[in-house]
């Protein structure tokens, strides 16, 4: 049985976001690239976190439940 390694699944053409990327722009990145998450990088391209579609959906659900604006403009 051959074991698959994560290196065989990953891509080197990485889409990333900055901490100041808006909620809306993060959602656009996920949709436009048909991906489930993006690494968030600082000015030196060091990963400081990851935002995934479920994070955005959870935030949207919380803001809708509490009557907060879902997206700041």
C-alpha atoms as a PDB file:
ATOM      1  CA  UNK A   1       0.000   0.000   0.000  1.00  0.00           C
ATOM      2  CA  UNK A   2       1.450   3.349  -1.065  1.00  0.00           C
ATOM      3  CA  UNK A   3       1.130   6.169   1.469  1.00  0.00           C
ATOM      4  CA  UNK A   4       0.282   9.589   0.124  1.00  0.00           C
ATOM      5  CA  UNK A   5       2.299  12.497   1.518  1.00  0.00           C
ATOM      6  CA  UNK A   6       0.950  16.028   1.962  1.00  0.00           C
ATOM      7  CA  UNK A   7       3.655  17.267  -0.414  1.00  0.00           C
ATOM      8  CA  UNK A   8       1.787  15.457  -3.166  1.00  0.00           C
ATOM      9  CA  UNK A   9      -1.385  17.384  -2.399  1.00  0.00           C
ATOM     10  CA  UNK A  10      -0.078  20.882  -1.810  1.00  0.00           C
ATOM     11  CA  UNK A  11       0.473  23.616  -4.355  1.00  0.00           C
ATOM     12  CA  UNK A  12       3.368  26.020  -4.634  1.00  0.00           C
ATOM     13  CA  UNK A  13       1.170  28.676  -6.269  1.00  0.00           C
ATOM     14  CA  UNK A  14      -0.166  29.933  -2.930  1.00  0.00           C
ATOM     15  CA  UNK A  15      -2.910  32.521  -2.559  1.00  0.00           C
ATOM     16  CA  UNK A  16      -2.532  34.468   0.694  1.00  0.00           C
ATOM     17  CA  UNK A  17      -4.104  37.365   2.563  1.00  0.00           C
ATOM     18  CA  UNK A  18      -2.791  40.077   4.846  1.00  0.00           C
ATOM     19  CA  UNK A  19      -4.165  40.731   8.343  1.00  0.00           C
ATOM     20  CA  UNK A  20      -5.812  43.904   7.020  1.00  0.00           C
ATOM     21  CA  UNK A  21      -7.634  42.047   4.217  1.00  0.00           C
ATOM     22  CA  UNK A  22     -11.359  42.704   4.513  1.00  0.00           C
ATOM     23  CA  UNK A  23     -13.922  40.001   5.208  1.00  0.00           C
ATOM     24  CA  UNK A  24     -15.389  40.587   1.758  1.00  0.00           C
ATOM     25  CA  UNK A  25     -12.014  40.352  -0.001  1.00  0.00           C
ATOM     26  CA  UNK A  26     -11.141  37.148   1.852  1.00  0.00           C
ATOM     27  CA  UNK A  27     -14.449  35.624   0.736  1.00  0.00           C
ATOM     28  CA  UNK A  28     -13.701  36.723  -2.852  1.00  0.00           C
ATOM     29  CA  UNK A  29     -10.271  35.055  -2.731  1.00  0.00           C
ATOM     30  CA  UNK A  30     -11.813  31.772  -1.628  1.00  0.00           C
ATOM     31  CA  UNK A  31     -14.507  31.913  -4.299  1.00  0.00           C
ATOM     32  CA  UNK A  32     -12.312  33.102  -7.168  1.00  0.00           C
ATOM     33  CA  UNK A  33      -9.665  30.454  -6.549  1.00  0.00           C
ATOM     34  CA  UNK A  34     -12.125  27.724  -5.530  1.00  0.00           C
ATOM     35  CA  UNK A  35     -10.213  27.072  -2.307  1.00  0.00           C
ATOM     36  CA  UNK A  36     -11.273  26.401   1.252  1.00  0.00           C
ATOM     37  CA  UNK A  37      -8.740  28.553   3.071  1.00  0.00           C
ATOM     38  CA  UNK A  38      -5.882  31.010   2.784  1.00  0.00           C
ATOM     39  CA  UNK A  39      -2.823  31.595   4.914  1.00  0.00           C
ATOM     40  CA  UNK A  40      -2.625  35.050   6.462  1.00  0.00           C
ATOM     41  CA  UNK A  41       0.894  36.453   6.171  1.00  0.00           C
ATOM     42  CA  UNK A  42       2.681  39.455   7.653  1.00  0.00           C
ATOM     43  CA  UNK A  43       4.834  41.986   5.778  1.00  0.00           C
ATOM     44  CA  UNK A  44       7.731  39.478   5.781  1.00  0.00           C
ATOM     45  CA  UNK A  45       5.548  36.685   4.308  1.00  0.00           C
ATOM     46  CA  UNK A  46       5.555  34.774   7.598  1.00  0.00           C
ATOM     47  CA  UNK A  47       2.328  32.900   8.241  1.00  0.00           C
ATOM     48  CA  UNK A  48       0.473  34.397  11.186  1.00  0.00           C
ATOM     49  CA  UNK A  49      -2.734  32.414  10.770  1.00  0.00           C
ATOM     50  CA  UNK A  50      -5.193  30.792   8.414  1.00  0.00           C
ATOM     51  CA  UNK A  51      -8.696  31.864   7.420  1.00  0.00           C
ATOM     52  CA  UNK A  52     -11.011  29.266   6.001  1.00  0.00           C
ATOM     53  CA  UNK A  53     -14.513  29.308   4.606  1.00  0.00           C
ATOM     54  CA  UNK A  54     -15.961  27.958   7.857  1.00  0.00           C
ATOM     55  CA  UNK A  55     -14.396  30.907   9.741  1.00  0.00           C
ATOM     56  CA  UNK A  56     -16.159  33.327   7.420  1.00  0.00           C
ATOM     57  CA  UNK A  57     -19.456  31.461   7.684  1.00  0.00           C
ATOM     58  CA  UNK A  58     -19.248  31.350  11.474  1.00  0.00           C
ATOM     59  CA  UNK A  59     -18.550  35.079  11.644  1.00  0.00           C
ATOM     60  CA  UNK A  60     -21.428  35.780   9.264  1.00  0.00           C
ATOM     61  CA  UNK A  61     -23.776  33.685  11.411  1.00  0.00           C
ATOM     62  CA  UNK A  62     -22.691  35.459  14.615  1.00  0.00           C
ATOM     63  CA  UNK A  63     -23.114  38.935  13.157  1.00  0.00           C
ATOM     64  CA  UNK A  64     -26.532  38.058  11.730  1.00  0.00           C
ATOM     65  CA  UNK A  65     -27.660  36.557  15.050  1.00  0.00           C
ATOM     66  CA  UNK A  66     -26.524  39.548  17.080  1.00  0.00           C
ATOM     67  CA  UNK A  67     -27.841  42.126  14.629  1.00  0.00           C
ATOM     68  CA  UNK A  68     -24.357  43.454  13.833  1.00  0.00           C
ATOM     69  CA  UNK A  69     -23.449  44.504  10.328  1.00  0.00           C
ATOM     70  CA  UNK A  70     -22.035  41.452   8.586  1.00  0.00           C
ATOM     71  CA  UNK A  71     -19.512  43.376   6.519  1.00  0.00           C
ATOM     72  CA  UNK A  72     -17.881  46.689   7.256  1.00  0.00           C
ATOM     73  CA  UNK A  73     -17.619  49.029   4.312  1.00  0.00           C
END
